[in-house]
N, C-alpha and C. Protein backbone atom coordinates (compact mmCIF):
# COMPACT_ATOMS: atom_id res chain seq x y z
N MET A 1 40.71 -5.95 -14.36
CA MET A 1 40.38 -6.91 -15.38
C MET A 1 40.98 -8.25 -14.97
N HIS A 2 40.25 -9.32 -15.12
CA HIS A 2 40.70 -10.65 -14.74
C HIS A 2 40.90 -11.45 -16.04
N LEU A 3 42.08 -11.96 -16.23
CA LEU A 3 42.38 -12.74 -17.43
C LEU A 3 42.73 -14.17 -17.04
N THR A 4 42.34 -15.10 -17.88
CA THR A 4 42.62 -16.50 -17.62
C THR A 4 43.53 -17.11 -18.66
N ASP A 5 43.96 -16.35 -19.64
CA ASP A 5 44.72 -16.87 -20.75
C ASP A 5 45.75 -15.82 -21.17
N HIS A 6 46.99 -16.27 -21.44
CA HIS A 6 48.02 -15.28 -21.80
C HIS A 6 47.76 -14.63 -23.15
N THR A 7 46.96 -15.26 -24.02
CA THR A 7 46.64 -14.63 -25.27
C THR A 7 45.74 -13.41 -25.07
N GLN A 8 44.89 -13.46 -24.05
CA GLN A 8 44.07 -12.30 -23.71
C GLN A 8 44.95 -11.14 -23.25
N LEU A 9 46.01 -11.46 -22.48
CA LEU A 9 46.91 -10.44 -21.99
C LEU A 9 47.62 -9.75 -23.15
N ALA A 10 48.00 -10.48 -24.16
CA ALA A 10 48.72 -9.91 -25.29
C ALA A 10 47.91 -8.88 -26.04
N THR A 11 46.57 -9.04 -26.04
CA THR A 11 45.72 -8.12 -26.80
C THR A 11 45.22 -6.96 -25.98
N CYS A 12 45.46 -6.94 -24.68
CA CYS A 12 44.97 -5.85 -23.82
C CYS A 12 45.83 -4.61 -23.98
N GLN A 13 45.18 -3.48 -23.95
CA GLN A 13 45.88 -2.19 -24.04
C GLN A 13 45.96 -1.57 -22.64
N LEU A 14 46.79 -2.14 -21.80
CA LEU A 14 46.99 -1.66 -20.43
C LEU A 14 48.39 -1.07 -20.32
N GLY A 15 48.53 -0.04 -19.47
CA GLY A 15 49.85 0.51 -19.23
C GLY A 15 50.61 -0.26 -18.16
N ASN A 16 49.86 -0.80 -17.19
CA ASN A 16 50.45 -1.56 -16.11
C ASN A 16 49.74 -2.89 -15.97
N VAL A 17 50.50 -3.94 -15.72
CA VAL A 17 49.94 -5.26 -15.46
C VAL A 17 50.41 -5.67 -14.09
N VAL A 18 49.46 -5.97 -13.19
CA VAL A 18 49.77 -6.36 -11.83
C VAL A 18 49.37 -7.81 -11.64
N TYR A 19 50.35 -8.64 -11.27
CA TYR A 19 50.13 -10.05 -11.02
C TYR A 19 50.04 -10.26 -9.53
N LEU A 20 48.94 -10.80 -9.04
CA LEU A 20 48.77 -11.13 -7.63
C LEU A 20 49.06 -12.61 -7.47
N VAL A 21 50.10 -12.93 -6.69
CA VAL A 21 50.60 -14.30 -6.63
C VAL A 21 50.74 -14.74 -5.18
N TYR A 22 50.30 -15.96 -4.88
CA TYR A 22 50.54 -16.50 -3.53
C TYR A 22 52.04 -16.68 -3.34
N SER A 23 52.47 -16.58 -2.11
CA SER A 23 53.92 -16.66 -1.79
C SER A 23 54.39 -18.09 -1.72
N THR A 24 54.32 -18.80 -2.85
CA THR A 24 54.83 -20.16 -2.93
C THR A 24 55.67 -20.27 -4.20
N HIS A 25 56.64 -21.19 -4.16
CA HIS A 25 57.48 -21.39 -5.34
C HIS A 25 56.68 -21.97 -6.50
N GLN A 26 55.68 -22.79 -6.17
CA GLN A 26 54.83 -23.35 -7.23
C GLN A 26 54.04 -22.24 -7.93
N SER A 27 53.50 -21.32 -7.19
CA SER A 27 52.75 -20.20 -7.81
C SER A 27 53.65 -19.34 -8.68
N LEU A 28 54.86 -19.09 -8.18
CA LEU A 28 55.82 -18.29 -8.96
C LEU A 28 56.22 -19.01 -10.24
N ALA A 29 56.45 -20.32 -10.15
CA ALA A 29 56.81 -21.11 -11.33
C ALA A 29 55.69 -21.06 -12.36
N MET A 30 54.44 -21.16 -11.92
CA MET A 30 53.31 -21.06 -12.85
C MET A 30 53.23 -19.68 -13.49
N LEU A 31 53.48 -18.63 -12.70
CA LEU A 31 53.45 -17.28 -13.25
C LEU A 31 54.52 -17.12 -14.32
N THR A 32 55.74 -17.51 -14.03
CA THR A 32 56.81 -17.30 -14.99
C THR A 32 56.62 -18.16 -16.25
N ARG A 33 56.25 -19.42 -16.05
CA ARG A 33 56.09 -20.35 -17.18
C ARG A 33 54.88 -19.97 -18.06
N ASN A 34 53.75 -19.70 -17.43
CA ASN A 34 52.52 -19.51 -18.20
C ASN A 34 52.22 -18.09 -18.60
N TRP A 35 52.89 -17.12 -17.99
CA TRP A 35 52.56 -15.72 -18.27
C TRP A 35 53.79 -14.91 -18.70
N LEU A 36 54.78 -14.82 -17.84
CA LEU A 36 55.91 -13.95 -18.10
C LEU A 36 56.78 -14.42 -19.26
N HIS A 37 56.99 -15.72 -19.42
CA HIS A 37 57.75 -16.23 -20.54
C HIS A 37 56.97 -16.13 -21.85
N GLN A 38 55.68 -15.94 -21.78
CA GLN A 38 54.84 -15.87 -22.98
C GLN A 38 54.71 -14.44 -23.53
N LEU A 39 55.28 -13.47 -22.81
CA LEU A 39 55.17 -12.08 -23.26
C LEU A 39 56.00 -11.86 -24.53
N PRO A 40 55.48 -11.10 -25.47
CA PRO A 40 56.27 -10.79 -26.66
C PRO A 40 57.44 -9.88 -26.33
N ASP A 41 58.50 -9.97 -27.12
CA ASP A 41 59.69 -9.16 -26.85
C ASP A 41 59.45 -7.67 -26.95
N ASP A 42 58.46 -7.27 -27.74
CA ASP A 42 58.19 -5.83 -27.93
C ASP A 42 57.14 -5.29 -26.95
N ASP A 43 56.83 -6.03 -25.89
CA ASP A 43 55.85 -5.60 -24.89
C ASP A 43 56.42 -4.45 -24.08
N LEU A 44 55.77 -3.29 -24.11
CA LEU A 44 56.27 -2.10 -23.40
C LEU A 44 55.53 -1.79 -22.11
N ARG A 45 54.58 -2.63 -21.75
CA ARG A 45 53.82 -2.38 -20.51
C ARG A 45 54.71 -2.61 -19.28
N LEU A 46 54.33 -1.99 -18.17
CA LEU A 46 55.03 -2.14 -16.90
C LEU A 46 54.41 -3.31 -16.15
N HIS A 47 55.24 -4.31 -15.81
CA HIS A 47 54.75 -5.51 -15.12
C HIS A 47 55.17 -5.48 -13.65
N HIS A 48 54.19 -5.71 -12.77
CA HIS A 48 54.43 -5.69 -11.33
C HIS A 48 54.01 -7.04 -10.76
N VAL A 49 54.86 -7.64 -9.93
CA VAL A 49 54.50 -8.87 -9.24
C VAL A 49 54.25 -8.53 -7.79
N VAL A 50 53.08 -8.92 -7.29
CA VAL A 50 52.71 -8.67 -5.91
C VAL A 50 52.48 -10.00 -5.22
N PHE A 51 53.32 -10.32 -4.24
CA PHE A 51 53.20 -11.57 -3.50
C PHE A 51 52.30 -11.38 -2.30
N ILE A 52 51.38 -12.29 -2.13
CA ILE A 52 50.44 -12.25 -0.99
C ILE A 52 50.71 -13.45 -0.11
N PRO A 53 51.07 -13.32 1.13
CA PRO A 53 51.16 -12.10 1.90
C PRO A 53 52.56 -11.50 1.95
N ASP A 54 53.59 -12.24 1.48
CA ASP A 54 54.95 -11.70 1.65
C ASP A 54 55.86 -12.17 0.52
N ALA A 55 56.68 -11.26 0.03
CA ALA A 55 57.69 -11.58 -0.96
C ALA A 55 58.96 -11.99 -0.21
N THR A 56 59.17 -13.29 -0.09
CA THR A 56 60.32 -13.78 0.67
C THR A 56 61.61 -13.61 -0.14
N PHE A 57 62.73 -13.71 0.55
CA PHE A 57 64.02 -13.59 -0.11
C PHE A 57 64.18 -14.65 -1.19
N THR A 58 63.76 -15.90 -0.88
CA THR A 58 63.96 -16.97 -1.86
C THR A 58 63.09 -16.77 -3.11
N LEU A 59 61.91 -16.22 -2.94
CA LEU A 59 61.05 -15.95 -4.11
C LEU A 59 61.65 -14.84 -4.97
N LYS A 60 62.15 -13.80 -4.33
CA LYS A 60 62.81 -12.74 -5.10
C LYS A 60 64.05 -13.25 -5.79
N GLN A 61 64.79 -14.11 -5.10
CA GLN A 61 66.01 -14.69 -5.69
C GLN A 61 65.68 -15.55 -6.90
N GLN A 62 64.59 -16.30 -6.81
CA GLN A 62 64.15 -17.12 -7.92
C GLN A 62 63.81 -16.23 -9.14
N LEU A 63 63.21 -15.09 -8.90
CA LEU A 63 62.93 -14.16 -9.99
C LEU A 63 64.20 -13.59 -10.57
N ARG A 64 65.14 -13.22 -9.72
CA ARG A 64 66.42 -12.64 -10.20
C ARG A 64 67.21 -13.61 -11.04
N GLU A 65 67.13 -14.90 -10.72
CA GLU A 65 67.91 -15.90 -11.43
C GLU A 65 67.47 -16.04 -12.90
N ASP A 66 66.24 -15.73 -13.18
CA ASP A 66 65.71 -15.76 -14.55
C ASP A 66 65.79 -14.33 -15.11
N GLN A 67 66.91 -13.99 -15.73
CA GLN A 67 67.16 -12.63 -16.19
C GLN A 67 66.13 -12.14 -17.19
N ARG A 68 65.63 -13.04 -18.01
CA ARG A 68 64.61 -12.63 -18.99
C ARG A 68 63.36 -12.10 -18.27
N VAL A 69 62.98 -12.79 -17.22
CA VAL A 69 61.80 -12.36 -16.45
C VAL A 69 62.13 -11.14 -15.63
N TRP A 70 63.26 -11.16 -14.92
CA TRP A 70 63.64 -10.07 -14.02
C TRP A 70 63.72 -8.75 -14.75
N ASN A 71 64.25 -8.74 -15.96
CA ASN A 71 64.40 -7.51 -16.74
C ASN A 71 63.07 -6.94 -17.20
N ARG A 72 62.04 -7.74 -17.24
CA ARG A 72 60.72 -7.30 -17.67
C ARG A 72 59.93 -6.66 -16.52
N LEU A 73 60.32 -6.95 -15.28
CA LEU A 73 59.53 -6.49 -14.13
C LEU A 73 59.88 -5.07 -13.73
N GLN A 74 58.85 -4.29 -13.53
CA GLN A 74 59.00 -2.93 -13.02
C GLN A 74 59.19 -2.95 -11.52
N SER A 75 58.45 -3.84 -10.82
CA SER A 75 58.55 -3.89 -9.37
C SER A 75 58.09 -5.24 -8.83
N VAL A 76 58.56 -5.53 -7.61
CA VAL A 76 58.14 -6.73 -6.88
C VAL A 76 57.75 -6.23 -5.48
N HIS A 77 56.54 -6.56 -5.05
CA HIS A 77 56.02 -6.06 -3.76
C HIS A 77 55.48 -7.20 -2.93
N SER A 78 55.30 -6.90 -1.65
CA SER A 78 54.54 -7.75 -0.73
C SER A 78 53.20 -7.07 -0.46
N LEU A 79 52.18 -7.85 -0.29
CA LEU A 79 50.87 -7.32 0.06
C LEU A 79 50.42 -8.07 1.31
N PRO A 80 50.65 -7.47 2.48
CA PRO A 80 50.44 -8.18 3.75
C PRO A 80 48.98 -8.34 4.15
N LEU A 81 48.28 -9.14 3.40
CA LEU A 81 46.89 -9.42 3.75
C LEU A 81 46.59 -10.88 3.49
N HIS A 82 45.47 -11.33 3.96
CA HIS A 82 45.03 -12.69 3.69
C HIS A 82 44.05 -12.64 2.53
N TRP A 83 44.27 -13.49 1.55
CA TRP A 83 43.50 -13.47 0.34
C TRP A 83 42.72 -14.78 0.26
N PHE A 84 41.41 -14.68 0.17
CA PHE A 84 40.57 -15.85 0.10
C PHE A 84 39.86 -15.86 -1.25
N PRO A 85 40.05 -16.93 -2.04
CA PRO A 85 39.35 -17.00 -3.32
C PRO A 85 37.84 -17.06 -3.12
N THR A 86 37.13 -16.49 -4.06
CA THR A 86 35.66 -16.55 -4.03
C THR A 86 35.17 -17.07 -5.37
N GLU A 87 33.88 -17.21 -5.48
CA GLU A 87 33.29 -17.64 -6.75
C GLU A 87 33.35 -16.54 -7.79
N GLN A 88 33.57 -15.31 -7.36
CA GLN A 88 33.68 -14.17 -8.27
C GLN A 88 35.15 -13.95 -8.60
N PRO A 89 35.61 -14.21 -9.81
CA PRO A 89 37.05 -14.12 -10.12
C PRO A 89 37.61 -12.70 -10.03
N LYS A 90 36.75 -11.68 -10.04
CA LYS A 90 37.24 -10.32 -9.98
C LYS A 90 37.29 -9.77 -8.57
N LEU A 91 37.05 -10.63 -7.58
CA LEU A 91 36.92 -10.18 -6.20
C LEU A 91 37.99 -10.77 -5.31
N ILE A 92 38.65 -9.94 -4.54
CA ILE A 92 39.55 -10.37 -3.49
C ILE A 92 38.86 -10.05 -2.19
N THR A 93 38.76 -11.00 -1.30
CA THR A 93 38.10 -10.73 -0.05
C THR A 93 39.10 -10.88 1.10
N MET A 94 38.90 -10.12 2.14
CA MET A 94 39.71 -10.23 3.33
C MET A 94 38.79 -10.67 4.47
N GLU A 95 38.18 -11.83 4.28
CA GLU A 95 37.28 -12.39 5.29
C GLU A 95 38.09 -12.74 6.52
N LEU A 96 37.92 -11.98 7.54
CA LEU A 96 38.77 -12.13 8.73
C LEU A 96 37.91 -12.37 9.98
N PRO A 97 37.58 -13.61 10.24
CA PRO A 97 36.72 -13.87 11.40
C PRO A 97 37.35 -13.50 12.73
N GLN A 98 38.68 -13.45 12.80
CA GLN A 98 39.36 -13.11 14.05
C GLN A 98 39.49 -11.59 14.28
N LEU A 99 39.11 -10.80 13.28
CA LEU A 99 39.33 -9.36 13.36
C LEU A 99 38.58 -8.70 14.50
N VAL A 100 37.33 -9.06 14.71
CA VAL A 100 36.54 -8.44 15.77
C VAL A 100 37.16 -8.73 17.13
N ALA A 101 37.55 -9.96 17.33
CA ALA A 101 38.18 -10.32 18.61
C ALA A 101 39.45 -9.56 18.83
N GLN A 102 40.27 -9.40 17.79
CA GLN A 102 41.52 -8.66 17.93
C GLN A 102 41.26 -7.20 18.24
N LEU A 103 40.29 -6.61 17.56
CA LEU A 103 40.03 -5.19 17.75
C LEU A 103 39.33 -4.91 19.08
N VAL A 104 38.25 -5.62 19.35
CA VAL A 104 37.42 -5.30 20.51
C VAL A 104 37.96 -5.89 21.79
N LEU A 105 38.28 -7.18 21.77
CA LEU A 105 38.69 -7.85 23.00
C LEU A 105 40.15 -7.54 23.37
N ASN A 106 41.01 -7.58 22.37
CA ASN A 106 42.44 -7.39 22.63
C ASN A 106 42.89 -5.94 22.45
N GLY A 107 42.09 -5.12 21.79
CA GLY A 107 42.48 -3.74 21.51
C GLY A 107 43.67 -3.65 20.55
N ASP A 108 43.81 -4.67 19.70
CA ASP A 108 44.98 -4.75 18.79
C ASP A 108 44.54 -4.26 17.40
N TRP A 109 45.01 -3.10 17.01
CA TRP A 109 44.68 -2.51 15.72
C TRP A 109 45.71 -2.79 14.65
N ASN A 110 46.76 -3.53 14.95
CA ASN A 110 47.84 -3.77 14.00
C ASN A 110 47.37 -4.51 12.75
N PHE A 111 46.53 -5.51 12.93
CA PHE A 111 46.07 -6.28 11.79
C PHE A 111 45.25 -5.43 10.82
N LEU A 112 44.35 -4.63 11.37
CA LEU A 112 43.56 -3.73 10.55
C LEU A 112 44.45 -2.72 9.84
N PHE A 113 45.45 -2.23 10.52
CA PHE A 113 46.41 -1.29 9.91
C PHE A 113 47.14 -1.95 8.75
N ARG A 114 47.56 -3.22 8.91
CA ARG A 114 48.24 -3.91 7.82
C ARG A 114 47.31 -4.09 6.61
N CYS A 115 46.05 -4.37 6.87
CA CYS A 115 45.08 -4.50 5.76
C CYS A 115 44.91 -3.18 5.04
N ALA A 116 44.83 -2.08 5.78
CA ALA A 116 44.69 -0.76 5.15
C ALA A 116 45.94 -0.41 4.37
N THR A 117 47.10 -0.74 4.91
CA THR A 117 48.36 -0.48 4.21
C THR A 117 48.40 -1.28 2.91
N ALA A 118 47.98 -2.52 2.95
CA ALA A 118 47.97 -3.36 1.76
C ALA A 118 47.04 -2.80 0.69
N ALA A 119 45.87 -2.37 1.09
CA ALA A 119 44.92 -1.79 0.14
C ALA A 119 45.48 -0.51 -0.47
N ARG A 120 46.17 0.29 0.34
CA ARG A 120 46.81 1.53 -0.16
C ARG A 120 47.92 1.20 -1.16
N GLN A 121 48.71 0.16 -0.89
CA GLN A 121 49.77 -0.22 -1.82
C GLN A 121 49.19 -0.59 -3.19
N LEU A 122 48.11 -1.36 -3.19
CA LEU A 122 47.45 -1.69 -4.45
C LEU A 122 46.98 -0.47 -5.18
N GLU A 123 46.38 0.45 -4.44
CA GLU A 123 45.90 1.68 -5.03
C GLU A 123 47.03 2.50 -5.66
N GLN A 124 48.16 2.55 -4.98
CA GLN A 124 49.31 3.31 -5.51
C GLN A 124 49.88 2.67 -6.76
N LEU A 125 49.83 1.34 -6.85
CA LEU A 125 50.31 0.67 -8.07
C LEU A 125 49.43 1.00 -9.26
N MET A 126 48.18 1.31 -9.01
CA MET A 126 47.23 1.53 -10.12
C MET A 126 46.88 2.97 -10.28
N THR A 127 47.86 3.84 -10.27
CA THR A 127 47.60 5.26 -10.48
C THR A 127 47.23 5.53 -11.94
N GLY A 128 46.62 6.64 -12.18
CA GLY A 128 46.24 6.99 -13.53
C GLY A 128 45.06 6.18 -14.00
N SER A 129 45.09 5.77 -15.25
CA SER A 129 43.95 5.04 -15.83
C SER A 129 44.23 3.56 -15.96
N SER A 130 45.14 3.03 -15.14
CA SER A 130 45.45 1.61 -15.22
C SER A 130 44.28 0.78 -14.73
N SER A 131 44.21 -0.43 -15.25
CA SER A 131 43.21 -1.39 -14.79
C SER A 131 43.90 -2.46 -13.97
N ALA A 132 43.18 -3.04 -13.05
CA ALA A 132 43.76 -4.12 -12.23
C ALA A 132 43.67 -5.42 -12.99
N LEU A 133 44.65 -6.29 -12.81
CA LEU A 133 44.69 -7.57 -13.49
C LEU A 133 45.01 -8.63 -12.45
N THR A 134 44.21 -9.66 -12.38
CA THR A 134 44.54 -10.79 -11.51
C THR A 134 44.63 -12.05 -12.35
N VAL A 135 45.56 -12.89 -12.02
CA VAL A 135 45.73 -14.17 -12.74
C VAL A 135 45.77 -15.28 -11.76
């Protein structure tokens, strides 16, 4: 499920909420200010922050410094893939023009393995009947 407004989030009956966030301080500030600080105190859902492509030490530290936000989070993860926005808000694409060259010419399967690992991590976060949420 893709939400564009924190009031929509408050009315959703989800067990898990997964935030997909670019690995920048600006993106994290927008997430905390516009979403996590807006959560009601009685919210019992499990909130997961997933940084794309990497959850750096400074980003995790920034989350820890805000105890109100940190205490609400169930987990913080890295998702080692390249995320390209599309016109479809519910779609994440891994458009990788260099992938064929890496696989065929160089025989390097590491990048494809990282993509598969990232997709598996997302799948594991959404076990049961949870819905995906992107903001």
